[in-house]
N, C-alpha and C. Protein backbone atom coordinates (compact mmCIF):
# COMPACT_ATOMS: atom_id res chain seq x y z
N MET A 1 16.86 38.09 -71.74
CA MET A 1 16.87 39.46 -71.26
C MET A 1 17.59 40.33 -72.27
N ARG A 2 17.06 41.47 -72.61
CA ARG A 2 17.68 42.40 -73.55
C ARG A 2 18.30 43.56 -72.79
N CYS A 3 19.48 43.98 -73.27
CA CYS A 3 20.16 45.11 -72.64
C CYS A 3 19.72 46.40 -73.30
N ARG A 4 19.55 47.43 -72.51
CA ARG A 4 19.24 48.74 -73.08
C ARG A 4 20.52 49.34 -73.66
N ARG A 5 20.41 49.86 -74.81
CA ARG A 5 21.60 50.38 -75.48
C ARG A 5 21.45 51.86 -75.75
N GLY A 6 22.43 52.60 -75.33
CA GLY A 6 22.50 54.01 -75.68
C GLY A 6 23.68 54.22 -76.59
N LYS A 7 24.02 55.43 -76.80
CA LYS A 7 25.14 55.74 -77.66
C LYS A 7 26.43 55.22 -77.03
N GLY A 8 27.17 54.44 -77.78
CA GLY A 8 28.43 53.90 -77.30
C GLY A 8 28.28 52.65 -76.45
N ALA A 9 27.04 52.13 -76.31
CA ALA A 9 26.83 50.93 -75.50
C ALA A 9 27.37 49.71 -76.23
N LEU A 10 27.80 48.71 -75.45
CA LEU A 10 28.32 47.48 -76.05
C LEU A 10 27.18 46.64 -76.59
N PRO A 11 27.44 45.86 -77.67
CA PRO A 11 26.43 44.90 -78.12
C PRO A 11 26.13 43.91 -77.00
N GLU A 12 24.93 43.35 -77.04
CA GLU A 12 24.45 42.53 -75.93
C GLU A 12 25.38 41.37 -75.60
N GLY A 13 25.84 40.64 -76.62
CA GLY A 13 26.70 39.48 -76.38
C GLY A 13 28.01 39.88 -75.74
N ILE A 14 28.63 40.96 -76.21
CA ILE A 14 29.90 41.43 -75.65
C ILE A 14 29.69 41.92 -74.22
N TYR A 15 28.55 42.61 -73.98
CA TYR A 15 28.25 43.11 -72.63
C TYR A 15 28.22 41.97 -71.62
N HIS A 16 27.52 40.87 -71.95
CA HIS A 16 27.42 39.75 -71.01
C HIS A 16 28.77 39.08 -70.80
N ARG A 17 29.59 38.99 -71.87
CA ARG A 17 30.92 38.39 -71.72
C ARG A 17 31.80 39.24 -70.82
N GLU A 18 31.70 40.57 -70.99
CA GLU A 18 32.48 41.48 -70.16
C GLU A 18 32.03 41.42 -68.69
N LEU A 19 30.71 41.33 -68.50
CA LEU A 19 30.17 41.24 -67.14
C LEU A 19 30.63 39.97 -66.47
N TYR A 20 30.57 38.85 -67.20
CA TYR A 20 30.99 37.56 -66.65
C TYR A 20 32.47 37.59 -66.30
N ALA A 21 33.28 38.20 -67.18
CA ALA A 21 34.72 38.31 -66.94
C ALA A 21 35.00 39.14 -65.70
N ALA A 22 34.23 40.22 -65.50
CA ALA A 22 34.42 41.09 -64.33
C ALA A 22 34.08 40.34 -63.05
N ILE A 23 33.02 39.52 -63.08
CA ILE A 23 32.64 38.74 -61.91
C ILE A 23 33.72 37.72 -61.57
N ARG A 24 34.25 37.05 -62.59
CA ARG A 24 35.31 36.07 -62.37
C ARG A 24 36.56 36.73 -61.81
N LEU A 25 36.88 37.92 -62.32
CA LEU A 25 38.05 38.64 -61.83
C LEU A 25 37.89 39.01 -60.36
N HIS A 26 36.68 39.47 -60.00
CA HIS A 26 36.40 39.82 -58.61
C HIS A 26 36.62 38.61 -57.71
N CYS A 27 36.12 37.45 -58.12
CA CYS A 27 36.22 36.24 -57.30
C CYS A 27 37.67 35.80 -57.18
N CYS A 28 38.44 35.91 -58.28
CA CYS A 28 39.84 35.48 -58.26
C CYS A 28 40.69 36.40 -57.39
N VAL A 29 40.45 37.70 -57.47
CA VAL A 29 41.26 38.67 -56.73
C VAL A 29 40.95 38.63 -55.25
N THR A 30 39.66 38.60 -54.91
CA THR A 30 39.27 38.67 -53.49
C THR A 30 39.17 37.30 -52.84
N GLY A 31 38.97 36.26 -53.65
CA GLY A 31 38.76 34.93 -53.09
C GLY A 31 37.38 34.75 -52.50
N VAL A 32 36.50 35.74 -52.70
CA VAL A 32 35.15 35.71 -52.15
C VAL A 32 34.15 35.73 -53.30
N PRO A 33 33.22 34.75 -53.35
CA PRO A 33 32.21 34.78 -54.41
C PRO A 33 31.37 36.06 -54.35
N LEU A 34 31.03 36.59 -55.49
CA LEU A 34 30.22 37.81 -55.54
C LEU A 34 28.79 37.49 -55.11
N ASP A 35 28.33 38.17 -54.08
CA ASP A 35 26.99 37.93 -53.54
C ASP A 35 26.02 38.92 -54.19
N VAL A 36 25.11 38.38 -54.99
CA VAL A 36 24.13 39.24 -55.66
C VAL A 36 22.77 39.14 -54.98
N SER A 37 22.75 38.60 -53.76
CA SER A 37 21.50 38.46 -53.02
C SER A 37 21.00 39.83 -52.56
N LYS A 38 19.72 39.87 -52.26
CA LYS A 38 19.11 41.07 -51.70
C LYS A 38 18.95 40.87 -50.20
N TYR A 39 19.24 41.91 -49.40
CA TYR A 39 19.10 41.83 -47.95
C TYR A 39 18.10 42.90 -47.50
N ILE A 40 17.11 42.45 -46.71
CA ILE A 40 16.15 43.40 -46.16
C ILE A 40 15.90 43.06 -44.69
N THR A 41 15.45 44.05 -43.93
CA THR A 41 15.07 43.82 -42.54
C THR A 41 13.55 43.80 -42.45
N VAL A 42 13.00 42.76 -41.81
CA VAL A 42 11.55 42.61 -41.71
C VAL A 42 11.14 42.64 -40.24
N LYS A 43 9.87 42.93 -40.00
CA LYS A 43 9.30 42.88 -38.65
C LYS A 43 8.41 41.66 -38.56
N THR A 44 8.71 40.76 -37.62
CA THR A 44 7.90 39.56 -37.46
C THR A 44 6.67 39.84 -36.61
N ASN A 45 5.67 38.97 -36.73
CA ASN A 45 4.47 39.10 -35.90
C ASN A 45 4.62 38.29 -34.61
N GLY A 46 3.55 38.16 -33.87
CA GLY A 46 3.60 37.46 -32.59
C GLY A 46 3.88 35.98 -32.69
N TYR A 47 3.80 35.43 -33.90
CA TYR A 47 4.09 34.01 -34.12
C TYR A 47 5.48 33.79 -34.70
N GLY A 48 6.27 34.87 -34.82
CA GLY A 48 7.60 34.72 -35.38
C GLY A 48 7.57 34.50 -36.88
N ARG A 49 6.61 35.13 -37.56
CA ARG A 49 6.49 35.00 -39.02
C ARG A 49 6.47 36.39 -39.65
N PHE A 50 6.76 36.45 -40.94
CA PHE A 50 6.77 37.73 -41.64
C PHE A 50 6.23 37.54 -43.06
N TYR A 51 5.95 38.67 -43.71
CA TYR A 51 5.33 38.65 -45.03
C TYR A 51 6.21 39.36 -46.06
N LEU A 52 6.20 38.81 -47.25
CA LEU A 52 6.80 39.45 -48.43
C LEU A 52 5.77 39.42 -49.55
N GLY A 53 6.14 39.94 -50.71
CA GLY A 53 5.23 39.89 -51.85
C GLY A 53 3.94 40.65 -51.61
N ASN A 54 4.07 41.88 -51.11
CA ASN A 54 2.89 42.71 -50.83
C ASN A 54 1.92 42.05 -49.86
N GLY A 55 2.48 41.34 -48.90
CA GLY A 55 1.65 40.71 -47.86
C GLY A 55 1.03 39.40 -48.25
N LEU A 56 1.38 38.86 -49.41
CA LEU A 56 0.78 37.61 -49.90
C LEU A 56 1.57 36.38 -49.49
N HIS A 57 2.86 36.53 -49.29
CA HIS A 57 3.73 35.38 -49.04
C HIS A 57 4.23 35.41 -47.59
N GLU A 58 3.83 34.41 -46.83
CA GLU A 58 4.18 34.36 -45.41
C GLU A 58 5.28 33.32 -45.17
N TYR A 59 6.28 33.71 -44.39
CA TYR A 59 7.40 32.84 -44.06
C TYR A 59 7.57 32.78 -42.54
N SER A 60 7.98 31.61 -42.06
CA SER A 60 8.23 31.46 -40.62
C SER A 60 9.70 31.70 -40.31
N VAL A 61 9.96 32.08 -39.06
CA VAL A 61 11.34 32.19 -38.57
C VAL A 61 11.47 31.24 -37.38
N SER A 62 11.04 31.69 -36.20
CA SER A 62 11.11 30.89 -34.98
C SER A 62 10.34 31.63 -33.90
N PRO A 63 9.79 30.92 -32.91
CA PRO A 63 9.06 31.60 -31.84
C PRO A 63 9.92 32.60 -31.07
N GLN A 64 11.21 32.33 -30.95
CA GLN A 64 12.07 33.23 -30.20
C GLN A 64 12.29 34.55 -30.92
N TYR A 65 11.90 34.62 -32.19
CA TYR A 65 12.02 35.86 -32.95
C TYR A 65 10.67 36.55 -33.13
N ALA A 66 9.70 36.22 -32.28
CA ALA A 66 8.40 36.87 -32.35
C ALA A 66 8.52 38.35 -32.04
N ASN A 67 7.78 39.17 -32.80
CA ASN A 67 7.79 40.63 -32.61
C ASN A 67 9.21 41.20 -32.61
N SER A 68 9.99 40.77 -33.58
CA SER A 68 11.38 41.21 -33.67
C SER A 68 11.70 41.70 -35.07
N ARG A 69 12.83 42.37 -35.18
CA ARG A 69 13.35 42.75 -36.49
C ARG A 69 14.41 41.73 -36.88
N VAL A 70 14.26 41.18 -38.09
CA VAL A 70 15.14 40.10 -38.55
C VAL A 70 15.69 40.45 -39.93
N LEU A 71 16.98 40.24 -40.10
CA LEU A 71 17.60 40.42 -41.41
C LEU A 71 17.32 39.19 -42.27
N VAL A 72 16.87 39.42 -43.50
CA VAL A 72 16.49 38.32 -44.39
C VAL A 72 17.29 38.42 -45.69
N LYS A 73 17.88 37.30 -46.08
CA LYS A 73 18.60 37.20 -47.35
C LYS A 73 17.65 36.62 -48.40
N ILE A 74 17.53 37.28 -49.53
CA ILE A 74 16.61 36.85 -50.59
C ILE A 74 17.41 36.58 -51.86
N THR A 75 17.29 35.37 -52.38
CA THR A 75 17.89 35.02 -53.66
C THR A 75 16.77 34.68 -54.63
N ALA A 76 17.12 34.28 -55.83
CA ALA A 76 16.09 33.93 -56.81
C ALA A 76 15.29 32.71 -56.36
N GLY A 77 15.92 31.83 -55.59
CA GLY A 77 15.25 30.59 -55.21
C GLY A 77 14.95 30.43 -53.74
N GLU A 78 15.55 31.27 -52.87
CA GLU A 78 15.39 31.06 -51.44
C GLU A 78 15.12 32.37 -50.69
N VAL A 79 14.47 32.22 -49.54
CA VAL A 79 14.30 33.29 -48.56
C VAL A 79 14.88 32.76 -47.25
N ILE A 80 15.92 33.46 -46.72
CA ILE A 80 16.68 32.91 -45.60
C ILE A 80 16.77 33.93 -44.46
N PRO A 81 15.98 33.79 -43.40
CA PRO A 81 16.14 34.64 -42.22
C PRO A 81 17.50 34.35 -41.55
N LEU A 82 18.19 35.42 -41.11
CA LEU A 82 19.52 35.27 -40.52
C LEU A 82 19.52 35.69 -39.05
N ASP A 83 20.38 35.03 -38.27
CA ASP A 83 20.51 35.42 -36.86
C ASP A 83 21.49 36.59 -36.73
N LYS A 84 21.82 36.97 -35.50
CA LYS A 84 22.67 38.14 -35.29
C LYS A 84 24.09 37.94 -35.81
N ASN A 85 24.47 36.67 -36.02
CA ASN A 85 25.79 36.37 -36.58
C ASN A 85 25.73 36.14 -38.10
N HIS A 86 24.58 36.48 -38.68
CA HIS A 86 24.33 36.34 -40.12
C HIS A 86 24.37 34.88 -40.58
N GLN A 87 23.98 33.99 -39.67
CA GLN A 87 23.86 32.57 -40.00
C GLN A 87 22.39 32.24 -40.23
N PRO A 88 22.07 31.31 -41.17
CA PRO A 88 20.67 30.98 -41.44
C PRO A 88 19.96 30.41 -40.22
N ILE A 89 18.77 30.92 -39.95
CA ILE A 89 17.91 30.35 -38.91
C ILE A 89 17.12 29.20 -39.51
N VAL A 90 16.49 29.46 -40.63
CA VAL A 90 15.81 28.44 -41.45
C VAL A 90 15.99 28.84 -42.91
N ARG A 91 15.67 27.92 -43.79
CA ARG A 91 15.72 28.21 -45.23
C ARG A 91 14.36 27.90 -45.85
N HIS A 92 13.84 28.83 -46.63
CA HIS A 92 12.57 28.63 -47.32
C HIS A 92 12.80 28.67 -48.83
N GLN A 93 12.04 27.84 -49.53
CA GLN A 93 11.97 28.01 -50.98
C GLN A 93 11.17 29.28 -51.24
N ARG A 94 11.66 30.13 -52.12
CA ARG A 94 10.99 31.41 -52.36
C ARG A 94 9.65 31.21 -53.04
N LEU A 95 8.64 31.92 -52.56
CA LEU A 95 7.29 31.83 -53.10
C LEU A 95 7.11 32.87 -54.19
N TYR A 96 6.38 32.48 -55.22
CA TYR A 96 6.06 33.40 -56.32
C TYR A 96 4.56 33.31 -56.60
N GLY A 97 4.00 34.37 -57.17
CA GLY A 97 2.59 34.36 -57.55
C GLY A 97 1.79 35.42 -56.83
N ASP A 98 0.72 35.88 -57.46
CA ASP A 98 -0.13 36.93 -56.90
C ASP A 98 -1.30 36.34 -56.12
N PHE A 99 -0.99 35.44 -55.21
CA PHE A 99 -2.03 34.84 -54.35
C PHE A 99 -1.37 34.46 -53.02
N LYS A 100 -2.21 34.26 -51.99
CA LYS A 100 -1.70 33.99 -50.66
C LYS A 100 -1.05 32.61 -50.58
N GLN A 101 0.15 32.59 -50.01
CA GLN A 101 0.87 31.34 -49.82
C GLN A 101 1.61 31.40 -48.49
N GLN A 102 1.96 30.23 -47.98
CA GLN A 102 2.66 30.17 -46.70
C GLN A 102 3.76 29.12 -46.77
N SER A 103 4.92 29.45 -46.25
CA SER A 103 6.01 28.49 -46.09
C SER A 103 6.33 28.41 -44.60
N MET A 104 6.12 27.24 -44.04
CA MET A 104 6.26 27.05 -42.60
C MET A 104 7.33 26.01 -42.31
N LYS A 105 8.34 26.37 -41.55
CA LYS A 105 9.36 25.43 -41.09
C LYS A 105 9.09 25.14 -39.62
N TRP A 106 8.64 23.92 -39.34
CA TRP A 106 8.10 23.60 -38.04
C TRP A 106 9.15 23.28 -36.97
N LEU A 107 10.36 22.92 -37.37
CA LEU A 107 11.33 22.43 -36.40
C LEU A 107 11.57 23.40 -35.23
N PRO A 108 11.82 24.70 -35.46
CA PRO A 108 12.02 25.60 -34.31
C PRO A 108 10.80 25.69 -33.40
N TYR A 109 9.61 25.57 -33.96
CA TYR A 109 8.38 25.67 -33.18
C TYR A 109 8.17 24.41 -32.33
N LEU A 110 8.44 23.24 -32.91
CA LEU A 110 8.31 21.99 -32.15
C LEU A 110 9.34 21.94 -31.03
N THR A 111 10.54 22.40 -31.32
CA THR A 111 11.60 22.43 -30.29
C THR A 111 11.19 23.32 -29.13
N GLN A 112 10.62 24.49 -29.44
CA GLN A 112 10.17 25.42 -28.40
C GLN A 112 9.04 24.81 -27.58
N LEU A 113 8.08 24.15 -28.24
CA LEU A 113 6.96 23.53 -27.53
C LEU A 113 7.44 22.43 -26.60
N SER A 114 8.45 21.68 -27.02
CA SER A 114 8.94 20.56 -26.20
C SER A 114 9.54 21.04 -24.88
N ARG A 115 9.94 22.30 -24.84
CA ARG A 115 10.54 22.85 -23.62
C ARG A 115 9.50 23.27 -22.58
N SER A 116 8.28 23.51 -23.03
CA SER A 116 7.22 23.91 -22.09
C SER A 116 5.92 23.21 -22.48
N PRO A 117 5.89 21.87 -22.43
CA PRO A 117 4.72 21.12 -22.88
C PRO A 117 3.47 21.35 -22.04
N ASN A 118 3.66 21.64 -20.76
CA ASN A 118 2.49 21.82 -19.89
C ASN A 118 1.73 23.10 -20.18
N ALA A 119 2.40 24.04 -20.85
CA ALA A 119 1.74 25.30 -21.22
C ALA A 119 1.36 25.29 -22.70
N LEU A 120 1.29 24.08 -23.25
CA LEU A 120 1.07 23.91 -24.69
C LEU A 120 -0.13 24.70 -25.21
N LYS A 121 -1.28 24.53 -24.57
CA LYS A 121 -2.52 25.14 -25.07
C LYS A 121 -2.59 26.64 -24.85
N TYR A 122 -1.65 27.16 -24.08
CA TYR A 122 -1.69 28.59 -23.77
C TYR A 122 -0.65 29.38 -24.58
N THR A 123 0.06 28.68 -25.46
CA THR A 123 1.02 29.36 -26.31
C THR A 123 0.35 29.78 -27.62
N GLY A 124 0.94 30.74 -28.29
CA GLY A 124 0.41 31.16 -29.59
C GLY A 124 0.68 30.16 -30.68
N ILE A 125 1.54 29.17 -30.38
CA ILE A 125 1.91 28.17 -31.39
C ILE A 125 0.83 27.10 -31.52
N TYR A 126 0.18 26.75 -30.41
CA TYR A 126 -0.76 25.62 -30.41
C TYR A 126 -1.85 25.74 -31.47
N PRO A 127 -2.50 26.90 -31.65
CA PRO A 127 -3.55 26.98 -32.67
C PRO A 127 -3.03 26.76 -34.10
N MET A 128 -1.73 26.92 -34.30
CA MET A 128 -1.16 26.74 -35.63
C MET A 128 -0.95 25.27 -35.97
N LEU A 129 -0.95 24.39 -34.96
CA LEU A 129 -0.66 22.97 -35.20
C LEU A 129 -1.77 22.31 -36.01
N PRO A 130 -1.42 21.37 -36.89
CA PRO A 130 -2.45 20.60 -37.61
C PRO A 130 -3.33 19.83 -36.63
N GLU A 131 -4.58 19.61 -37.00
CA GLU A 131 -5.53 18.94 -36.11
C GLU A 131 -5.05 17.54 -35.73
N THR A 132 -4.43 16.83 -36.66
CA THR A 132 -3.94 15.48 -36.37
C THR A 132 -2.97 15.50 -35.20
N LEU A 133 -2.06 16.44 -35.20
CA LEU A 133 -1.06 16.53 -34.13
C LEU A 133 -1.70 16.95 -32.82
N LYS A 134 -2.67 17.86 -32.87
CA LYS A 134 -3.36 18.28 -31.64
C LYS A 134 -4.14 17.10 -31.04
N ASP A 135 -4.79 16.32 -31.90
CA ASP A 135 -5.53 15.14 -31.41
C ASP A 135 -4.59 14.14 -30.75
N TYR A 136 -3.44 13.93 -31.38
CA TYR A 136 -2.48 12.97 -30.84
C TYR A 136 -1.94 13.42 -29.49
N LEU A 137 -1.56 14.69 -29.38
CA LEU A 137 -1.03 15.20 -28.12
C LEU A 137 -2.06 15.14 -27.00
N ALA A 138 -3.33 15.31 -27.37
CA ALA A 138 -4.40 15.25 -26.36
C ALA A 138 -4.53 13.85 -25.77
N LYS A 139 -4.13 12.83 -26.53
CA LYS A 139 -4.23 11.44 -26.07
C LYS A 139 -2.99 10.98 -25.32
N CYS A 140 -1.90 11.76 -25.41
CA CYS A 140 -0.66 11.38 -24.74
C CYS A 140 -0.70 11.73 -23.26
N ASN A 141 0.04 10.97 -22.46
CA ASN A 141 0.17 11.29 -21.04
C ASN A 141 0.80 12.66 -20.88
N ARG A 142 0.33 13.39 -19.90
CA ARG A 142 0.84 14.75 -19.69
C ARG A 142 2.35 14.75 -19.44
N SER A 143 2.81 13.74 -18.69
CA SER A 143 4.24 13.69 -18.35
C SER A 143 5.11 13.34 -19.55
N ASP A 144 4.51 12.78 -20.60
CA ASP A 144 5.29 12.35 -21.77
C ASP A 144 5.28 13.36 -22.91
N LYS A 145 4.47 14.41 -22.81
CA LYS A 145 4.29 15.31 -23.95
C LYS A 145 5.58 15.98 -24.40
N GLY A 146 6.41 16.38 -23.44
CA GLY A 146 7.68 17.00 -23.80
C GLY A 146 8.56 16.06 -24.60
N LYS A 147 8.64 14.80 -24.14
CA LYS A 147 9.46 13.80 -24.84
C LYS A 147 8.87 13.48 -26.22
N ILE A 148 7.54 13.38 -26.28
CA ILE A 148 6.87 13.11 -27.54
C ILE A 148 7.16 14.22 -28.55
N LEU A 149 7.09 15.47 -28.09
CA LEU A 149 7.36 16.61 -28.98
C LEU A 149 8.81 16.61 -29.45
N ARG A 150 9.73 16.21 -28.57
CA ARG A 150 11.13 16.12 -28.98
C ARG A 150 11.33 15.04 -30.04
N VAL A 151 10.61 13.94 -29.89
CA VAL A 151 10.68 12.87 -30.89
C VAL A 151 10.11 13.34 -32.22
N ILE A 152 8.97 14.04 -32.17
CA ILE A 152 8.36 14.55 -33.40
C ILE A 152 9.28 15.56 -34.07
N ALA A 153 9.97 16.36 -33.27
CA ALA A 153 10.95 17.30 -33.83
C ALA A 153 12.09 16.55 -34.51
N ALA A 154 12.55 15.46 -33.88
CA ALA A 154 13.63 14.66 -34.47
C ALA A 154 13.16 13.98 -35.77
N LEU A 155 11.91 13.50 -35.79
CA LEU A 155 11.37 12.89 -37.00
C LEU A 155 11.21 13.92 -38.11
N THR A 156 10.85 15.15 -37.71
CA THR A 156 10.74 16.25 -38.68
C THR A 156 12.10 16.54 -39.31
N GLU A 157 13.13 16.55 -38.47
CA GLU A 157 14.48 16.81 -38.97
C GLU A 157 14.93 15.71 -39.91
N ARG A 158 14.48 14.48 -39.64
CA ARG A 158 14.92 13.34 -40.45
C ARG A 158 14.17 13.22 -41.77
N ASN A 159 12.85 13.34 -41.73
CA ASN A 159 12.04 13.11 -42.93
C ASN A 159 11.04 14.20 -43.25
N GLY A 160 11.22 15.38 -42.63
CA GLY A 160 10.32 16.49 -42.91
C GLY A 160 9.06 16.43 -42.05
N PHE A 161 8.37 17.56 -41.95
CA PHE A 161 7.19 17.64 -41.10
C PHE A 161 6.06 16.78 -41.63
N GLU A 162 5.91 16.69 -42.95
CA GLU A 162 4.86 15.84 -43.52
C GLU A 162 5.11 14.38 -43.16
N GLY A 163 6.40 13.97 -43.15
CA GLY A 163 6.72 12.60 -42.75
C GLY A 163 6.39 12.34 -41.30
N ALA A 164 6.68 13.31 -40.43
CA ALA A 164 6.35 13.18 -39.01
C ALA A 164 4.83 13.10 -38.82
N LEU A 165 4.08 13.91 -39.57
CA LEU A 165 2.62 13.90 -39.47
C LEU A 165 2.04 12.57 -39.93
N GLU A 166 2.64 11.99 -40.97
CA GLU A 166 2.16 10.68 -41.43
C GLU A 166 2.34 9.63 -40.34
N THR A 167 3.46 9.71 -39.63
CA THR A 167 3.70 8.79 -38.51
C THR A 167 2.67 9.00 -37.41
N VAL A 168 2.39 10.26 -37.09
CA VAL A 168 1.40 10.58 -36.06
C VAL A 168 0.02 10.06 -36.46
N ASP A 169 -0.32 10.17 -37.74
CA ASP A 169 -1.60 9.68 -38.23
C ASP A 169 -1.72 8.17 -38.02
N HIS A 170 -0.65 7.44 -38.32
CA HIS A 170 -0.64 5.99 -38.09
C HIS A 170 -0.71 5.68 -36.59
N ALA A 171 -0.01 6.48 -35.79
CA ALA A 171 -0.03 6.26 -34.34
C ALA A 171 -1.43 6.43 -33.77
N LEU A 172 -2.18 7.39 -34.30
CA LEU A 172 -3.57 7.59 -33.87
C LEU A 172 -4.43 6.37 -34.20
N LYS A 173 -4.22 5.80 -35.38
CA LYS A 173 -5.01 4.63 -35.79
C LYS A 173 -4.75 3.43 -34.89
N TYR A 174 -3.48 3.30 -34.43
CA TYR A 174 -3.11 2.16 -33.59
C TYR A 174 -3.17 2.50 -32.11
N ALA A 175 -3.59 3.71 -31.76
CA ALA A 175 -3.64 4.17 -30.37
C ALA A 175 -2.27 4.02 -29.71
N ALA A 176 -1.21 4.32 -30.47
CA ALA A 176 0.16 4.19 -29.98
C ALA A 176 0.64 5.54 -29.49
N THR A 177 0.55 5.75 -28.19
CA THR A 177 0.88 7.06 -27.63
C THR A 177 2.19 7.04 -26.83
N ASP A 178 2.94 5.96 -26.92
CA ASP A 178 4.24 5.92 -26.24
C ASP A 178 5.36 6.19 -27.23
N ILE A 179 6.51 6.59 -26.73
CA ILE A 179 7.63 7.03 -27.57
C ILE A 179 8.15 5.90 -28.44
N ASP A 180 8.34 4.72 -27.86
CA ASP A 180 8.91 3.60 -28.62
C ASP A 180 8.02 3.22 -29.80
N SER A 181 6.72 3.20 -29.58
CA SER A 181 5.80 2.86 -30.66
C SER A 181 5.84 3.89 -31.78
N LEU A 182 5.95 5.16 -31.39
CA LEU A 182 6.00 6.24 -32.37
C LEU A 182 7.26 6.11 -33.25
N ILE A 183 8.39 5.83 -32.62
CA ILE A 183 9.64 5.67 -33.36
C ILE A 183 9.59 4.44 -34.25
N ASN A 184 9.06 3.32 -33.72
CA ASN A 184 8.98 2.09 -34.50
C ASN A 184 8.06 2.25 -35.71
N LEU A 185 6.95 2.97 -35.53
CA LEU A 185 6.05 3.23 -36.65
C LEU A 185 6.74 4.05 -37.74
N HIS A 186 7.47 5.06 -37.31
CA HIS A 186 8.19 5.90 -38.28
C HIS A 186 9.22 5.08 -39.05
N ASN A 187 9.97 4.24 -38.32
CA ASN A 187 10.97 3.41 -38.98
C ASN A 187 10.34 2.42 -39.94
N ARG A 188 9.15 1.91 -39.57
CA ARG A 188 8.47 0.97 -40.46
C ARG A 188 7.99 1.66 -41.74
N ILE A 189 7.45 2.87 -41.58
CA ILE A 189 6.95 3.62 -42.74
C ILE A 189 8.08 3.98 -43.70
N TYR A 190 9.23 4.36 -43.14
CA TYR A 190 10.34 4.85 -43.96
C TYR A 190 11.47 3.83 -44.11
N SER A 191 11.19 2.56 -43.77
CA SER A 191 12.22 1.53 -43.94
C SER A 191 12.43 1.28 -45.42
N GLN A 192 13.63 0.81 -45.74
CA GLN A 192 13.97 0.53 -47.13
C GLN A 192 13.82 -0.95 -47.46
N VAL A 193 13.14 -1.70 -46.60
CA VAL A 193 12.96 -3.13 -46.85
C VAL A 193 11.96 -3.32 -47.99
N PRO A 194 12.36 -4.00 -49.06
CA PRO A 194 11.45 -4.17 -50.20
C PRO A 194 10.28 -5.06 -49.84
N GLU A 195 9.13 -4.73 -50.41
CA GLU A 195 7.93 -5.51 -50.18
C GLU A 195 7.94 -6.71 -51.11
N LEU A 196 7.80 -7.92 -50.56
CA LEU A 196 7.84 -9.14 -51.37
C LEU A 196 6.52 -9.36 -52.07
N ALA A 197 6.59 -9.85 -53.30
CA ALA A 197 5.38 -10.15 -54.07
C ALA A 197 4.73 -11.40 -53.47
N PRO A 198 3.39 -11.50 -53.55
CA PRO A 198 2.70 -12.69 -53.05
C PRO A 198 3.19 -13.95 -53.73
N MET A 199 3.32 -15.03 -52.96
CA MET A 199 3.81 -16.29 -53.50
C MET A 199 2.63 -17.24 -53.72
N ALA A 200 2.58 -17.85 -54.89
CA ALA A 200 1.53 -18.84 -55.19
C ALA A 200 1.82 -20.12 -54.42
N LEU A 201 0.85 -20.58 -53.63
CA LEU A 201 1.07 -21.75 -52.77
C LEU A 201 0.45 -23.02 -53.36
N ALA A 202 -0.26 -22.89 -54.48
CA ALA A 202 -0.92 -24.06 -55.07
C ALA A 202 0.11 -25.12 -55.45
N GLY A 203 -0.10 -26.34 -55.01
CA GLY A 203 0.77 -27.44 -55.37
C GLY A 203 1.95 -27.63 -54.41
N ILE A 204 2.17 -26.67 -53.50
CA ILE A 204 3.29 -26.80 -52.58
C ILE A 204 2.95 -27.72 -51.43
N PHE A 205 1.71 -27.58 -50.91
CA PHE A 205 1.28 -28.41 -49.79
C PHE A 205 0.31 -29.48 -50.28
N PRO A 206 0.43 -30.65 -49.75
CA PRO A 206 -0.51 -31.73 -50.18
C PRO A 206 -1.92 -31.45 -49.70
N ASN A 207 -2.90 -31.93 -50.45
CA ASN A 207 -4.30 -31.74 -50.05
C ASN A 207 -4.60 -32.65 -48.86
């Protein structure tokens, strides 16, 4: 980055050293790191999501923040919606580029669905779910859907939504629609047990 220089302006190297020294002094005197983040207020849609980047970059917040105004902290690497106490609701990696992109954090949505599983298909969240998850929920007992969604939320928190979806995909193949099977499948997929190489048996057993 080049500094604009007018009459009496400092050379670029000295300018950056002076700026860095001023930032350090601020931190030492106040004890508070200098926050250079950008803060904006956004309006979410009916799904609790909002857009940045001229409408190209979509970010999720939470269903409880649908059709609301939300304060958002923007840094070079992150987009962070904040609650009324200025605490992060979720954290997104910041999107860049002149094309449509979406960053979706599923945990708040799965948690909300688990609280009202019987109204699943009538919520605005249901159409957003991946087809694999919708197929799996359709095969689960109605009385177990809330518990299943809570388990999927817990798996999402542990290994991310893609990890939870991989488990659901395996559960569909094995027709495993109970909670214990779902958890056991996830543990098997993400276990750290090393896979043993095949052992040659020739000569070990008599003919």
